[in-house]
């Protein structure tokens, strides 16, 4: 029995000693890595269709017939862009755009501003003295008005039209 008590005491003592011992430390190691992305600028001028500049039905006595359409542009936030408009199918430059009905031609103009002044003509010239529209992307669709004017409707009766190509550069 003495042997049994002594063994029990040794086991109890071993348990106490084990509980007083510091716990085993877990080993750790670390590493670092990079997370990267390169975002490139993007612009879209065709996903949301433009709104035509439609001067409607006008009497031949009408002058300074105004209306507007719109381009819808979506560009990367903070991305600078320019939009140019060509001369149409019948113009030799931005100042000589014409809608046609066969051989009959009706002059018209497109502008970047509602004031429709000479300095507001919207064309395709870049750089100093340029007449393109300049903007900065927001990451959402921007509706950009295209202001139009027919100085005089004093032309043969009929339906006249032209096609303009808008080009965005970013």
N, C-alpha and C. Protein backbone atom coordinates (compact mmCIF):
# COMPACT_ATOMS: atom_id res chain seq x y z
N UNK A 1 0.80 -1.15 0.00
CA UNK A 1 0.00 0.00 0.00
C UNK A 1 0.87 1.25 0.00
N UNK A 2 1.94 1.19 0.73
CA UNK A 2 2.86 2.28 0.77
C UNK A 2 3.38 2.56 -0.62
N UNK A 3 3.60 1.59 -1.34
CA UNK A 3 4.08 1.71 -2.70
C UNK A 3 3.02 2.40 -3.56
N UNK A 4 1.79 2.10 -3.35
CA UNK A 4 0.70 2.66 -4.10
C UNK A 4 0.53 4.14 -3.75
N UNK A 5 0.65 4.49 -2.48
CA UNK A 5 0.53 5.88 -2.05
C UNK A 5 1.69 6.67 -2.64
N UNK A 6 2.87 6.07 -2.58
CA UNK A 6 4.03 6.74 -3.10
C UNK A 6 3.91 6.95 -4.61
N UNK A 7 3.39 6.00 -5.33
CA UNK A 7 3.20 6.12 -6.77
C UNK A 7 2.16 7.19 -7.06
N UNK A 8 1.12 7.24 -6.26
CA UNK A 8 0.07 8.24 -6.46
C UNK A 8 0.63 9.63 -6.21
N UNK A 9 1.50 9.73 -5.20
CA UNK A 9 2.09 11.02 -4.89
C UNK A 9 3.05 11.45 -6.00
N UNK A 10 3.76 10.51 -6.56
CA UNK A 10 4.67 10.85 -7.66
C UNK A 10 3.89 11.30 -8.89
N UNK A 11 2.78 10.65 -9.16
CA UNK A 11 1.96 11.02 -10.31
C UNK A 11 1.38 12.42 -10.08
N UNK A 12 0.90 12.68 -8.85
CA UNK A 12 0.34 13.98 -8.53
C UNK A 12 1.41 15.05 -8.63
N UNK A 13 2.59 14.74 -8.09
CA UNK A 13 3.69 15.69 -8.15
C UNK A 13 4.11 15.97 -9.60
N UNK A 14 4.12 14.97 -10.43
CA UNK A 14 4.46 15.14 -11.85
C UNK A 14 3.43 16.04 -12.52
N UNK A 15 2.17 15.88 -12.15
CA UNK A 15 1.12 16.73 -12.71
C UNK A 15 1.29 18.17 -12.31
N UNK A 16 1.67 18.41 -11.05
CA UNK A 16 1.89 19.78 -10.57
C UNK A 16 3.08 20.38 -11.29
N UNK A 17 4.14 19.63 -11.41
CA UNK A 17 5.34 20.12 -12.08
C UNK A 17 5.03 20.42 -13.55
N UNK A 18 4.25 19.58 -14.18
CA UNK A 18 3.90 19.79 -15.58
C UNK A 18 3.05 21.05 -15.76
N UNK A 19 2.17 21.32 -14.80
CA UNK A 19 1.33 22.51 -14.91
C UNK A 19 2.12 23.77 -14.66
N UNK A 20 3.24 23.69 -13.96
CA UNK A 20 4.07 24.85 -13.71
C UNK A 20 5.04 25.13 -14.85
N UNK A 21 5.25 24.18 -15.70
CA UNK A 21 6.18 24.34 -16.82
C UNK A 21 5.57 25.30 -17.85
N UNK A 22 6.37 26.17 -18.48
CA UNK A 22 5.84 27.07 -19.49
C UNK A 22 5.30 26.26 -20.68
N UNK A 23 4.22 26.76 -21.31
CA UNK A 23 3.67 26.01 -22.44
C UNK A 23 4.66 26.01 -23.62
N UNK A 24 4.55 25.04 -24.47
CA UNK A 24 5.42 24.96 -25.65
C UNK A 24 5.06 26.10 -26.60
N UNK A 25 6.05 26.81 -27.11
CA UNK A 25 5.83 27.93 -28.01
C UNK A 25 5.58 27.42 -29.44
N UNK A 26 4.53 28.02 -30.13
CA UNK A 26 4.30 27.69 -31.53
C UNK A 26 5.28 28.49 -32.37
N UNK A 27 5.82 27.91 -33.37
CA UNK A 27 6.75 28.59 -34.27
C UNK A 27 5.97 29.33 -35.35
N UNK A 28 6.40 30.53 -35.75
CA UNK A 28 5.75 31.29 -36.83
C UNK A 28 6.79 31.78 -37.81
N UNK A 29 6.32 32.08 -38.98
CA UNK A 29 7.16 32.68 -40.02
C UNK A 29 6.25 33.60 -40.82
N UNK A 30 6.77 34.66 -41.41
CA UNK A 30 5.97 35.59 -42.20
C UNK A 30 6.57 35.79 -43.58
N UNK A 31 5.73 36.23 -44.47
CA UNK A 31 6.16 36.57 -45.82
C UNK A 31 5.28 37.72 -46.29
N UNK A 32 5.77 38.52 -47.19
CA UNK A 32 4.98 39.61 -47.75
C UNK A 32 4.83 39.41 -49.25
N UNK A 33 3.77 39.98 -49.79
CA UNK A 33 3.58 39.95 -51.23
C UNK A 33 2.86 41.21 -51.66
N UNK A 34 2.94 41.55 -52.94
CA UNK A 34 2.32 42.75 -53.49
C UNK A 34 0.99 42.38 -54.14
N UNK A 35 0.07 43.31 -54.11
CA UNK A 35 -1.18 43.20 -54.83
C UNK A 35 -1.19 44.37 -55.81
N UNK A 36 -1.38 44.10 -57.10
CA UNK A 36 -1.24 45.14 -58.11
C UNK A 36 -2.34 45.09 -59.14
N UNK A 37 -2.61 46.24 -59.74
CA UNK A 37 -3.47 46.35 -60.91
C UNK A 37 -3.00 47.57 -61.70
N UNK A 38 -3.05 47.46 -62.99
CA UNK A 38 -2.78 48.61 -63.85
C UNK A 38 -4.09 48.92 -64.56
N UNK A 39 -4.60 50.11 -64.35
CA UNK A 39 -5.85 50.51 -64.97
C UNK A 39 -5.53 51.44 -66.13
N UNK A 40 -6.05 51.11 -67.29
CA UNK A 40 -5.85 51.94 -68.47
C UNK A 40 -7.11 52.75 -68.74
N UNK A 41 -6.94 53.90 -69.30
CA UNK A 41 -8.08 54.75 -69.63
C UNK A 41 -8.89 54.10 -70.75
N UNK A 42 -10.19 54.29 -70.67
CA UNK A 42 -11.10 53.80 -71.70
C UNK A 42 -12.22 54.81 -71.86
N UNK A 43 -12.67 54.99 -73.09
CA UNK A 43 -13.80 55.85 -73.37
C UNK A 43 -14.70 55.16 -74.38
N UNK A 44 -16.00 55.39 -74.23
CA UNK A 44 -16.97 54.82 -75.15
C UNK A 44 -17.94 55.91 -75.57
N UNK A 45 -18.16 56.01 -76.85
CA UNK A 45 -19.07 57.03 -77.38
C UNK A 45 -20.24 56.37 -78.11
N UNK A 46 -20.28 55.03 -78.13
CA UNK A 46 -21.29 54.34 -78.94
C UNK A 46 -22.23 53.43 -78.15
N UNK A 47 -21.95 53.12 -76.89
CA UNK A 47 -22.82 52.21 -76.15
C UNK A 47 -24.22 52.78 -76.01
N UNK A 48 -24.31 54.03 -75.59
CA UNK A 48 -25.60 54.72 -75.54
C UNK A 48 -25.67 55.59 -76.80
N UNK A 49 -26.62 55.29 -77.65
CA UNK A 49 -26.70 55.95 -78.96
C UNK A 49 -26.86 57.46 -78.82
N UNK A 50 -26.26 58.21 -79.75
CA UNK A 50 -26.45 59.66 -79.74
C UNK A 50 -27.89 60.01 -80.10
N UNK A 51 -28.27 61.21 -79.72
CA UNK A 51 -29.58 61.75 -80.10
C UNK A 51 -29.38 62.65 -81.31
N UNK A 52 -30.15 62.42 -82.35
CA UNK A 52 -30.02 63.21 -83.58
C UNK A 52 -30.35 64.69 -83.34
N UNK A 53 -29.76 65.53 -84.16
CA UNK A 53 -30.14 66.95 -84.21
C UNK A 53 -31.23 67.01 -85.28
N UNK A 54 -32.47 67.17 -84.84
CA UNK A 54 -33.61 67.14 -85.75
C UNK A 54 -34.28 68.52 -85.75
N UNK A 55 -34.17 69.21 -86.85
CA UNK A 55 -34.74 70.55 -86.95
C UNK A 55 -36.24 70.53 -87.24
N UNK A 56 -36.79 69.36 -87.44
CA UNK A 56 -38.23 69.22 -87.65
C UNK A 56 -38.69 69.78 -88.99
N UNK A 57 -39.98 70.06 -89.06
CA UNK A 57 -40.60 70.62 -90.27
C UNK A 57 -40.69 72.13 -90.10
N UNK A 58 -40.14 72.84 -91.07
CA UNK A 58 -40.06 74.31 -90.97
C UNK A 58 -40.56 74.95 -92.26
N UNK A 59 -41.20 76.12 -92.17
CA UNK A 59 -41.58 76.83 -93.40
C UNK A 59 -40.32 77.41 -94.06
N UNK A 60 -40.39 77.61 -95.35
CA UNK A 60 -39.21 78.13 -96.07
C UNK A 60 -38.84 79.54 -95.64
N UNK A 61 -39.70 80.22 -94.91
CA UNK A 61 -39.42 81.58 -94.43
C UNK A 61 -38.67 81.58 -93.09
N UNK A 62 -38.47 80.43 -92.50
CA UNK A 62 -37.83 80.35 -91.18
C UNK A 62 -36.35 80.71 -91.25
N UNK A 63 -35.88 81.40 -90.21
CA UNK A 63 -34.45 81.71 -90.09
C UNK A 63 -33.98 81.34 -88.69
N UNK A 64 -32.69 81.10 -88.59
CA UNK A 64 -32.07 80.70 -87.31
C UNK A 64 -32.89 79.64 -86.58
N UNK A 65 -33.12 78.54 -87.29
CA UNK A 65 -33.84 77.41 -86.73
C UNK A 65 -32.87 76.64 -85.84
N UNK A 66 -33.15 76.61 -84.54
CA UNK A 66 -32.26 75.95 -83.58
C UNK A 66 -32.87 74.66 -83.03
N UNK A 67 -32.03 73.71 -82.80
CA UNK A 67 -32.40 72.49 -82.08
C UNK A 67 -31.11 71.86 -81.58
N UNK A 68 -31.24 70.79 -80.82
CA UNK A 68 -30.04 70.12 -80.31
C UNK A 68 -30.24 68.63 -80.24
N UNK A 69 -29.11 67.93 -80.28
CA UNK A 69 -29.04 66.50 -80.07
C UNK A 69 -28.06 66.28 -78.94
N UNK A 70 -27.55 65.07 -78.82
CA UNK A 70 -26.59 64.80 -77.74
C UNK A 70 -25.72 63.60 -78.07
N UNK A 71 -24.50 63.67 -77.59
CA UNK A 71 -23.59 62.53 -77.59
C UNK A 71 -23.54 62.01 -76.15
N UNK A 72 -23.42 60.71 -76.00
CA UNK A 72 -23.35 60.10 -74.67
C UNK A 72 -22.00 59.41 -74.54
N UNK A 73 -21.19 59.93 -73.63
CA UNK A 73 -19.80 59.49 -73.50
C UNK A 73 -19.58 58.90 -72.11
N UNK A 74 -18.87 57.78 -72.06
CA UNK A 74 -18.50 57.20 -70.78
C UNK A 74 -16.99 56.95 -70.80
N UNK A 75 -16.27 57.70 -69.95
CA UNK A 75 -14.82 57.59 -69.90
C UNK A 75 -14.36 57.29 -68.47
N UNK A 76 -13.21 56.67 -68.37
CA UNK A 76 -12.57 56.40 -67.08
C UNK A 76 -12.53 57.68 -66.25
N UNK A 77 -12.79 57.59 -64.94
CA UNK A 77 -12.71 58.78 -64.10
C UNK A 77 -11.37 59.50 -64.27
N UNK A 78 -11.43 60.79 -64.41
CA UNK A 78 -10.27 61.68 -64.54
C UNK A 78 -9.52 61.55 -65.86
N UNK A 79 -10.01 60.74 -66.79
CA UNK A 79 -9.33 60.60 -68.09
C UNK A 79 -9.72 61.77 -69.00
N UNK A 80 -8.74 62.53 -69.47
CA UNK A 80 -9.05 63.62 -70.40
C UNK A 80 -9.40 63.05 -71.78
N UNK A 81 -10.32 63.71 -72.47
CA UNK A 81 -10.69 63.28 -73.81
C UNK A 81 -11.08 64.49 -74.65
N UNK A 82 -11.07 64.30 -75.96
CA UNK A 82 -11.60 65.30 -76.89
C UNK A 82 -12.54 64.58 -77.84
N UNK A 83 -13.54 65.32 -78.30
CA UNK A 83 -14.48 64.79 -79.28
C UNK A 83 -14.48 65.74 -80.47
N UNK A 84 -14.28 65.16 -81.64
CA UNK A 84 -14.32 65.95 -82.87
C UNK A 84 -15.51 65.51 -83.70
N UNK A 85 -16.02 66.43 -84.50
CA UNK A 85 -17.10 66.15 -85.45
C UNK A 85 -16.56 66.43 -86.84
N UNK A 86 -16.83 65.51 -87.76
CA UNK A 86 -16.32 65.72 -89.12
C UNK A 86 -17.20 66.73 -89.86
N UNK A 87 -16.93 66.93 -91.14
CA UNK A 87 -17.61 67.93 -91.95
C UNK A 87 -18.94 67.45 -92.51
N UNK A 88 -19.30 66.21 -92.22
CA UNK A 88 -20.50 65.63 -92.81
C UNK A 88 -20.21 65.17 -94.23
N UNK A 89 -21.26 64.76 -94.92
CA UNK A 89 -21.10 64.21 -96.27
C UNK A 89 -21.01 65.27 -97.35
N UNK A 90 -21.37 66.52 -97.02
CA UNK A 90 -21.44 67.54 -98.06
C UNK A 90 -20.63 68.78 -97.76
N UNK A 91 -19.91 68.80 -96.65
CA UNK A 91 -19.13 69.97 -96.28
C UNK A 91 -17.66 69.79 -96.60
N UNK A 92 -17.01 70.89 -96.88
CA UNK A 92 -15.56 70.83 -97.15
C UNK A 92 -14.77 71.16 -95.88
N UNK A 93 -15.44 71.78 -94.90
CA UNK A 93 -14.85 72.04 -93.59
C UNK A 93 -15.99 72.21 -92.60
N UNK A 94 -15.67 72.42 -91.33
CA UNK A 94 -16.69 72.53 -90.29
C UNK A 94 -17.62 73.72 -90.51
N UNK A 95 -17.16 74.72 -91.25
CA UNK A 95 -17.98 75.91 -91.48
C UNK A 95 -18.86 75.82 -92.73
N UNK A 96 -18.80 74.70 -93.42
CA UNK A 96 -19.58 74.58 -94.66
C UNK A 96 -20.43 73.31 -94.69
N UNK A 97 -20.90 72.86 -93.54
CA UNK A 97 -21.75 71.67 -93.49
C UNK A 97 -23.09 71.95 -94.19
N UNK A 98 -23.58 70.91 -94.90
CA UNK A 98 -24.84 71.06 -95.62
C UNK A 98 -25.61 69.75 -95.58
N UNK A 99 -26.94 69.87 -95.40
CA UNK A 99 -27.83 68.72 -95.55
C UNK A 99 -28.25 68.67 -97.01
N UNK A 100 -28.45 67.48 -97.54
CA UNK A 100 -28.79 67.37 -98.95
C UNK A 100 -30.13 66.68 -99.18
N UNK A 101 -30.72 67.06 -100.30
CA UNK A 101 -31.89 66.39 -100.87
C UNK A 101 -31.61 66.37 -102.36
N UNK A 102 -30.99 65.29 -102.81
CA UNK A 102 -30.52 65.24 -104.19
C UNK A 102 -29.39 66.24 -104.35
N UNK A 103 -29.57 67.18 -105.29
CA UNK A 103 -28.53 68.19 -105.51
C UNK A 103 -28.79 69.46 -104.71
N UNK A 104 -29.96 69.57 -104.11
CA UNK A 104 -30.27 70.76 -103.29
C UNK A 104 -29.59 70.61 -101.93
N UNK A 105 -28.98 71.69 -101.46
CA UNK A 105 -28.22 71.67 -100.21
C UNK A 105 -28.70 72.78 -99.28
N UNK A 106 -28.85 72.45 -97.98
CA UNK A 106 -29.23 73.43 -96.97
C UNK A 106 -28.08 73.54 -95.97
N UNK A 107 -27.46 74.72 -95.84
CA UNK A 107 -26.38 74.90 -94.87
C UNK A 107 -26.90 74.82 -93.43
N UNK A 108 -26.05 74.30 -92.57
CA UNK A 108 -26.34 74.24 -91.13
C UNK A 108 -25.02 74.27 -90.38
N UNK A 109 -25.11 74.42 -89.07
CA UNK A 109 -23.89 74.40 -88.25
C UNK A 109 -24.16 73.66 -86.95
N UNK A 110 -23.10 73.08 -86.40
CA UNK A 110 -23.14 72.40 -85.11
C UNK A 110 -22.19 73.11 -84.16
N UNK A 111 -22.62 73.25 -82.91
CA UNK A 111 -21.88 74.04 -81.92
C UNK A 111 -21.67 73.28 -80.62
N UNK A 112 -20.63 73.68 -79.89
CA UNK A 112 -20.32 73.12 -78.57
C UNK A 112 -21.05 73.84 -77.45
N UNK A 113 -21.60 75.02 -77.71
CA UNK A 113 -22.26 75.82 -76.67
C UNK A 113 -23.60 76.33 -77.18
N UNK A 114 -24.54 76.53 -76.26
CA UNK A 114 -25.88 76.98 -76.61
C UNK A 114 -25.90 78.38 -77.21
N UNK A 115 -24.87 79.17 -76.96
CA UNK A 115 -24.81 80.53 -77.53
C UNK A 115 -24.65 80.51 -79.04
N UNK A 116 -24.15 79.41 -79.57
CA UNK A 116 -24.00 79.22 -81.01
C UNK A 116 -23.21 80.34 -81.69
N UNK A 117 -22.15 80.78 -81.04
CA UNK A 117 -21.29 81.82 -81.62
C UNK A 117 -20.26 81.22 -82.55
N UNK A 118 -19.59 82.07 -83.29
CA UNK A 118 -18.57 81.62 -84.24
C UNK A 118 -17.46 80.82 -83.55
N UNK A 119 -17.12 81.20 -82.33
CA UNK A 119 -16.07 80.49 -81.60
C UNK A 119 -16.54 79.15 -81.04
N UNK A 120 -17.86 78.89 -81.11
CA UNK A 120 -18.43 77.66 -80.57
C UNK A 120 -18.60 76.56 -81.62
N UNK A 121 -18.24 76.84 -82.88
CA UNK A 121 -18.39 75.83 -83.93
C UNK A 121 -17.65 74.57 -83.51
N UNK A 122 -18.31 73.43 -83.67
CA UNK A 122 -17.73 72.14 -83.27
C UNK A 122 -17.18 71.46 -84.51
N UNK A 123 -15.87 71.29 -84.53
CA UNK A 123 -15.22 70.68 -85.68
C UNK A 123 -14.23 69.62 -85.28
N UNK A 124 -13.14 69.54 -86.05
CA UNK A 124 -12.16 68.48 -85.82
C UNK A 124 -10.74 69.01 -85.67
N UNK A 125 -10.59 70.31 -85.48
CA UNK A 125 -9.26 70.90 -85.35
C UNK A 125 -8.79 70.80 -83.90
N UNK A 126 -7.62 70.23 -83.69
CA UNK A 126 -7.04 70.13 -82.35
C UNK A 126 -5.92 71.13 -82.19
N UNK A 127 -5.45 71.30 -80.99
CA UNK A 127 -4.34 72.20 -80.72
C UNK A 127 -4.80 73.63 -80.57
N UNK A 128 -3.87 74.55 -80.67
CA UNK A 128 -4.16 75.98 -80.51
C UNK A 128 -5.22 76.41 -81.52
N UNK A 129 -6.24 77.07 -81.05
CA UNK A 129 -7.32 77.50 -81.94
C UNK A 129 -8.23 76.37 -82.36
N UNK A 130 -8.11 75.22 -81.70
CA UNK A 130 -8.92 74.06 -82.06
C UNK A 130 -10.40 74.26 -81.77
N UNK A 131 -11.21 73.44 -82.43
CA UNK A 131 -12.65 73.55 -82.23
C UNK A 131 -13.28 72.21 -81.83
N UNK A 132 -12.50 71.36 -81.15
CA UNK A 132 -13.04 70.11 -80.63
C UNK A 132 -13.60 70.36 -79.23
N UNK A 133 -14.41 69.43 -78.76
CA UNK A 133 -14.91 69.50 -77.39
C UNK A 133 -13.92 68.78 -76.49
N UNK A 134 -13.52 69.40 -75.39
CA UNK A 134 -12.59 68.78 -74.45
C UNK A 134 -13.32 68.53 -73.14
N UNK A 135 -13.12 67.32 -72.59
CA UNK A 135 -13.75 66.98 -71.33
C UNK A 135 -12.90 66.04 -70.50
N UNK A 136 -13.41 65.69 -69.35
CA UNK A 136 -12.74 64.76 -68.44
C UNK A 136 -13.76 63.71 -68.00
N UNK A 137 -13.35 62.44 -68.05
CA UNK A 137 -14.24 61.35 -67.70
C UNK A 137 -14.66 61.36 -66.24
N UNK A 138 -15.85 60.83 -65.99
CA UNK A 138 -16.38 60.72 -64.63
C UNK A 138 -16.61 59.27 -64.21
N UNK A 139 -16.50 58.34 -65.16
CA UNK A 139 -16.79 56.94 -64.87
C UNK A 139 -18.26 56.61 -65.07
N UNK A 140 -19.07 57.61 -65.41
CA UNK A 140 -20.48 57.40 -65.73
C UNK A 140 -20.78 58.08 -67.06
N UNK A 141 -21.94 57.78 -67.62
CA UNK A 141 -22.30 58.37 -68.91
C UNK A 141 -22.51 59.87 -68.75
N UNK A 142 -21.84 60.63 -69.60
CA UNK A 142 -22.00 62.08 -69.65
C UNK A 142 -22.79 62.41 -70.91
N UNK A 143 -23.85 63.17 -70.76
CA UNK A 143 -24.68 63.59 -71.88
C UNK A 143 -24.16 64.95 -72.35
N UNK A 144 -23.62 64.99 -73.57
CA UNK A 144 -23.02 66.22 -74.11
C UNK A 144 -23.90 66.77 -75.22
N UNK A 145 -24.52 67.91 -74.99
CA UNK A 145 -25.39 68.50 -76.02
C UNK A 145 -24.61 68.88 -77.28
N UNK A 146 -25.25 68.67 -78.41
CA UNK A 146 -24.76 69.14 -79.70
C UNK A 146 -25.81 70.14 -80.18
N UNK A 147 -25.43 71.41 -80.22
CA UNK A 147 -26.36 72.48 -80.59
C UNK A 147 -26.28 72.71 -82.09
N UNK A 148 -27.43 72.77 -82.73
CA UNK A 148 -27.46 72.97 -84.18
C UNK A 148 -28.25 74.21 -84.56
N UNK A 149 -27.92 74.73 -85.74
CA UNK A 149 -28.66 75.88 -86.28
C UNK A 149 -28.68 75.81 -87.81
N UNK A 150 -29.86 76.06 -88.36
CA UNK A 150 -30.03 76.27 -89.79
C UNK A 150 -30.27 77.77 -89.95
N UNK A 151 -29.34 78.50 -90.56
CA UNK A 151 -29.48 79.96 -90.66
C UNK A 151 -30.71 80.38 -91.46
N UNK A 152 -31.03 79.61 -92.50
CA UNK A 152 -32.18 79.95 -93.34
C UNK A 152 -32.76 78.67 -93.93
N UNK A 153 -34.10 78.60 -93.95
CA UNK A 153 -34.78 77.46 -94.56
C UNK A 153 -35.31 77.82 -95.95
N UNK A 154 -34.80 78.88 -96.54
CA UNK A 154 -35.26 79.37 -97.83
C UNK A 154 -34.65 78.55 -98.97
N UNK A 155 -35.11 77.30 -99.07
CA UNK A 155 -34.62 76.35 -100.07
C UNK A 155 -35.82 75.56 -100.58
N UNK A 156 -35.68 74.84 -101.69
CA UNK A 156 -36.80 74.06 -102.21
C UNK A 156 -37.37 73.11 -101.15
N UNK A 157 -38.69 72.94 -101.15
CA UNK A 157 -39.35 72.04 -100.21
C UNK A 157 -38.82 70.62 -100.39
N UNK A 158 -38.68 69.91 -99.31
CA UNK A 158 -38.20 68.53 -99.35
C UNK A 158 -37.58 68.14 -98.02
N UNK A 159 -37.17 66.90 -97.92
CA UNK A 159 -36.51 66.39 -96.71
C UNK A 159 -35.01 66.36 -96.94
N UNK A 160 -34.28 67.01 -96.08
CA UNK A 160 -32.83 67.14 -96.19
C UNK A 160 -32.16 66.41 -95.04
N UNK A 161 -30.98 65.86 -95.29
CA UNK A 161 -30.25 65.16 -94.21
C UNK A 161 -28.75 65.16 -94.49
N UNK A 162 -28.02 64.85 -93.46
CA UNK A 162 -26.57 64.71 -93.53
C UNK A 162 -26.18 63.71 -92.45
N UNK A 163 -24.99 63.18 -92.52
CA UNK A 163 -24.48 62.25 -91.52
C UNK A 163 -23.16 62.79 -90.99
N UNK A 164 -23.07 62.92 -89.68
CA UNK A 164 -21.86 63.41 -89.01
C UNK A 164 -21.21 62.26 -88.27
N UNK A 165 -19.90 62.19 -88.33
CA UNK A 165 -19.16 61.20 -87.56
C UNK A 165 -18.46 61.89 -86.39
N UNK A 166 -18.77 61.41 -85.19
CA UNK A 166 -18.12 61.92 -83.97
C UNK A 166 -16.99 60.96 -83.59
N UNK A 167 -15.83 61.51 -83.27
CA UNK A 167 -14.67 60.70 -82.91
C UNK A 167 -14.16 61.15 -81.55
N UNK A 168 -14.00 60.19 -80.64
CA UNK A 168 -13.46 60.52 -79.31
C UNK A 168 -12.00 60.07 -79.27
N UNK A 169 -11.16 60.93 -78.73
CA UNK A 169 -9.73 60.64 -78.57
C UNK A 169 -9.40 60.78 -77.10
N UNK A 170 -8.75 59.76 -76.55
CA UNK A 170 -8.42 59.79 -75.12
C UNK A 170 -7.06 59.19 -74.89
